[in-house]
Amino acid sequence: MAQMNRNSRLALPLALTVLAAVLAGTATLLALLTPALAQQAAGGAMPPEVWTWGLLSAALATGLSSLAAGYAVAKLGTAAVGALAEKPDLFGRLLIFVGLAEGIAIYGLIISILILNRLA
């Protein structure tokens, strides 16, 4: 039982660390794609590898941030319902925490939109 509690405490920080690493990698890929995108704007054809990595990084940003947000909302929602059962006046404060967890998915979506705008 103690091992399960330890693992559940480490899971959320681990998921957020993975999300941060993916978003940093996506930003790095976007920075590396900029010369190829400038070549396309100058009239040259964009290499297919640029499209492949750009679409892959956009998909990873959206998918992994949505998974991390779902995990965070699941953990926070469970704790929020437990807290509301004991103190119903905490509803507003707990709703803010759940909304912050959902923001992770929105940030990933914004990153993927920025990547796709650079490719187009």
C-alpha atoms as a PDB file:
ATOM      1  CA  MET A   1       0.000   0.000   0.000  1.00  0.00           C
ATOM      2  CA  ALA A   2       2.835   2.406   0.835  1.00  0.00           C
ATOM      3  CA  GLN A   3       4.471   1.665  -2.528  1.00  0.00           C
ATOM      4  CA  MET A   4       1.249   2.534  -4.392  1.00  0.00           C
ATOM      5  CA  ASN A   5       0.955   5.891  -2.597  1.00  0.00           C
ATOM      6  CA  ARG A   6       4.582   6.683  -3.413  1.00  0.00           C
ATOM      7  CA  ASN A   7       4.064   5.867  -7.100  1.00  0.00           C
ATOM      8  CA  SER A   8       0.898   7.940  -7.336  1.00  0.00           C
ATOM      9  CA  ARG A   9       2.684  10.924  -5.782  1.00  0.00           C
ATOM     10  CA  LEU A  10       5.486  10.687  -8.339  1.00  0.00           C
ATOM     11  CA  ALA A  11       3.265  10.148 -11.370  1.00  0.00           C
ATOM     12  CA  LEU A  12       1.985  13.707 -11.829  1.00  0.00           C
ATOM     13  CA  PRO A  13       5.385  15.420 -11.582  1.00  0.00           C
ATOM     14  CA  LEU A  14       6.757  12.806 -13.967  1.00  0.00           C
ATOM     15  CA  ALA A  15       3.942  13.422 -16.450  1.00  0.00           C
ATOM     16  CA  LEU A  16       4.481  17.177 -16.261  1.00  0.00           C
ATOM     17  CA  THR A  17       8.230  16.722 -16.755  1.00  0.00           C
ATOM     18  CA  VAL A  18       7.605  14.599 -19.843  1.00  0.00           C
ATOM     19  CA  LEU A  19       5.183  17.227 -21.149  1.00  0.00           C
ATOM     20  CA  ALA A  20       7.730  19.990 -20.599  1.00  0.00           C
ATOM     21  CA  ALA A  21      10.390  17.959 -22.397  1.00  0.00           C
ATOM     22  CA  VAL A  22       8.085  17.343 -25.359  1.00  0.00           C
ATOM     23  CA  LEU A  23       7.161  21.005 -25.607  1.00  0.00           C
ATOM     24  CA  ALA A  24      10.833  21.998 -25.387  1.00  0.00           C
ATOM     25  CA  GLY A  25      11.668  19.486 -28.106  1.00  0.00           C
ATOM     26  CA  THR A  26       8.856  20.834 -30.244  1.00  0.00           C
ATOM     27  CA  ALA A  27      10.151  24.368 -29.820  1.00  0.00           C
ATOM     28  CA  THR A  28      13.643  23.177 -30.762  1.00  0.00           C
ATOM     29  CA  LEU A  29      12.295  21.479 -33.878  1.00  0.00           C
ATOM     30  CA  LEU A  30      10.448  24.648 -34.778  1.00  0.00           C
ATOM     31  CA  ALA A  31      13.656  26.640 -34.404  1.00  0.00           C
ATOM     32  CA  LEU A  32      15.501  24.143 -36.597  1.00  0.00           C
ATOM     33  CA  LEU A  33      12.776  24.252 -39.235  1.00  0.00           C
ATOM     34  CA  THR A  34      12.956  28.033 -39.607  1.00  0.00           C
ATOM     35  CA  PRO A  35      15.734  28.043 -42.287  1.00  0.00           C
ATOM     36  CA  ALA A  36      13.817  25.544 -44.414  1.00  0.00           C
ATOM     37  CA  LEU A  37      10.660  27.587 -44.009  1.00  0.00           C
ATOM     38  CA  ALA A  38      12.525  30.730 -45.041  1.00  0.00           C
ATOM     39  CA  GLN A  39      13.730  28.882 -48.144  1.00  0.00           C
ATOM     40  CA  GLN A  40      10.134  28.005 -49.007  1.00  0.00           C
ATOM     41  CA  ALA A  41       9.071  31.633 -48.582  1.00  0.00           C
ATOM     42  CA  ALA A  42      11.875  32.630 -50.980  1.00  0.00           C
ATOM     43  CA  GLY A  43      10.357  30.414 -53.655  1.00  0.00           C
ATOM     44  CA  GLY A  44      12.140  27.110 -53.109  1.00  0.00           C
ATOM     45  CA  ALA A  45      10.349  23.830 -52.509  1.00  0.00           C
ATOM     46  CA  MET A  46      10.173  22.639 -48.910  1.00  0.00           C
ATOM     47  CA  PRO A  47      11.851  19.283 -48.344  1.00  0.00           C
ATOM     48  CA  PRO A  48       9.475  16.471 -47.325  1.00  0.00           C
ATOM     49  CA  GLU A  49      11.439  15.905 -44.094  1.00  0.00           C
ATOM     50  CA  VAL A  50      10.385  19.345 -42.907  1.00  0.00           C
ATOM     51  CA  TRP A  51       6.718  18.460 -43.391  1.00  0.00           C
ATOM     52  CA  THR A  52       7.214  15.118 -41.661  1.00  0.00           C
ATOM     53  CA  TRP A  53       8.923  16.549 -38.573  1.00  0.00           C
ATOM     54  CA  GLY A  54       6.588  19.536 -38.430  1.00  0.00           C
ATOM     55  CA  LEU A  55       3.445  17.415 -38.508  1.00  0.00           C
ATOM     56  CA  LEU A  56       4.931  14.919 -36.066  1.00  0.00           C
ATOM     57  CA  SER A  57       5.868  17.626 -33.588  1.00  0.00           C
ATOM     58  CA  ALA A  58       2.400  19.215 -33.856  1.00  0.00           C
ATOM     59  CA  ALA A  59       0.753  15.844 -33.249  1.00  0.00           C
ATOM     60  CA  LEU A  60       3.015  15.109 -30.279  1.00  0.00           C
ATOM     61  CA  ALA A  61       2.387  18.518 -28.732  1.00  0.00           C
ATOM     62  CA  THR A  62      -1.372  18.069 -28.935  1.00  0.00           C
ATOM     63  CA  GLY A  63      -1.519  14.400 -28.020  1.00  0.00           C
ATOM     64  CA  LEU A  64       0.861  14.363 -25.078  1.00  0.00           C
ATOM     65  CA  SER A  65      -0.465  17.585 -23.577  1.00  0.00           C
ATOM     66  CA  SER A  66      -4.001  16.198 -23.805  1.00  0.00           C
ATOM     67  CA  LEU A  67      -2.923  12.976 -22.106  1.00  0.00           C
ATOM     68  CA  ALA A  68      -1.158  14.911 -19.341  1.00  0.00           C
ATOM     69  CA  ALA A  69      -4.177  17.179 -18.878  1.00  0.00           C
ATOM     70  CA  GLY A  70      -6.508  14.184 -18.682  1.00  0.00           C
ATOM     71  CA  TYR A  71      -4.322  12.580 -16.051  1.00  0.00           C
ATOM     72  CA  ALA A  72      -4.101  15.805 -14.047  1.00  0.00           C
ATOM     73  CA  VAL A  73      -7.863  16.386 -14.208  1.00  0.00           C
ATOM     74  CA  ALA A  74      -8.506  12.783 -13.134  1.00  0.00           C
ATOM     75  CA  LYS A  75      -6.299  13.136 -10.071  1.00  0.00           C
ATOM     76  CA  LEU A  76      -7.502  16.631  -9.179  1.00  0.00           C
ATOM     77  CA  GLY A  77     -11.145  15.797  -9.850  1.00  0.00           C
ATOM     78  CA  THR A  78     -11.025  12.851  -7.498  1.00  0.00           C
ATOM     79  CA  ALA A  79      -9.439  14.924  -4.757  1.00  0.00           C
ATOM     80  CA  ALA A  80     -11.843  17.814  -5.392  1.00  0.00           C
ATOM     81  CA  VAL A  81     -14.921  15.607  -5.040  1.00  0.00           C
ATOM     82  CA  GLY A  82     -13.531  14.237  -1.782  1.00  0.00           C
ATOM     83  CA  ALA A  83     -12.890  17.740  -0.462  1.00  0.00           C
ATOM     84  CA  LEU A  84     -16.336  18.948  -1.563  1.00  0.00           C
ATOM     85  CA  ALA A  85     -17.978  16.112   0.338  1.00  0.00           C
ATOM     86  CA  GLU A  86     -16.507  17.497   3.545  1.00  0.00           C
ATOM     87  CA  LYS A  87     -16.562  21.257   2.815  1.00  0.00           C
ATOM     88  CA  PRO A  88     -18.970  22.357   0.058  1.00  0.00           C
ATOM     89  CA  ASP A  89     -17.855  25.989   0.356  1.00  0.00           C
ATOM     90  CA  LEU A  90     -14.525  25.112  -1.353  1.00  0.00           C
ATOM     91  CA  PHE A  91     -16.197  24.702  -4.753  1.00  0.00           C
ATOM     92  CA  GLY A  92     -14.803  27.897  -6.306  1.00  0.00           C
ATOM     93  CA  ARG A  93     -11.247  27.261  -5.218  1.00  0.00           C
ATOM     94  CA  LEU A  94     -11.296  23.659  -6.395  1.00  0.00           C
ATOM     95  CA  LEU A  95     -12.783  24.635  -9.749  1.00  0.00           C
ATOM     96  CA  ILE A  96      -9.805  26.928 -10.331  1.00  0.00           C
ATOM     97  CA  PHE A  97      -7.384  24.025  -9.767  1.00  0.00           C
ATOM     98  CA  VAL A  98      -9.238  21.792 -12.217  1.00  0.00           C
ATOM     99  CA  GLY A  99      -9.280  24.637 -14.752  1.00  0.00           C
ATOM    100  CA  LEU A 100      -5.520  25.054 -14.416  1.00  0.00           C
ATOM    101  CA  ALA A 101      -5.069  21.364 -15.115  1.00  0.00           C
ATOM    102  CA  GLU A 102      -7.182  21.690 -18.267  1.00  0.00           C
ATOM    103  CA  GLY A 103      -4.973  24.573 -19.353  1.00  0.00           C
ATOM    104  CA  ILE A 104      -2.176  22.097 -20.072  1.00  0.00           C
ATOM    105  CA  ALA A 105      -4.140  20.760 -23.051  1.00  0.00           C
ATOM    106  CA  ILE A 106      -4.862  24.266 -24.313  1.00  0.00           C
ATOM    107  CA  TYR A 107      -1.165  25.153 -24.216  1.00  0.00           C
ATOM    108  CA  GLY A 108      -0.310  22.066 -26.263  1.00  0.00           C
ATOM    109  CA  LEU A 109      -3.002  22.956 -28.787  1.00  0.00           C
ATOM    110  CA  ILE A 110      -1.659  26.487 -29.111  1.00  0.00           C
ATOM    111  CA  ILE A 111       1.864  25.153 -29.708  1.00  0.00           C
ATOM    112  CA  SER A 112       0.631  22.794 -32.422  1.00  0.00           C
ATOM    113  CA  ILE A 113      -1.314  25.611 -34.121  1.00  0.00           C
ATOM    114  CA  LEU A 114       1.846  27.737 -34.126  1.00  0.00           C
ATOM    115  CA  ILE A 115       3.812  24.884 -35.663  1.00  0.00           C
ATOM    116  CA  LEU A 116       1.212  24.301 -38.367  1.00  0.00           C
ATOM    117  CA  ASN A 117       1.087  28.016 -39.153  1.00  0.00           C
ATOM    118  CA  ARG A 118       4.841  27.955 -39.757  1.00  0.00           C
ATOM    119  CA  LEU A 119       4.482  25.016 -42.133  1.00  0.00           C
ATOM    120  CA  ALA A 120       1.709  26.580 -44.207  1.00  0.00           C
END
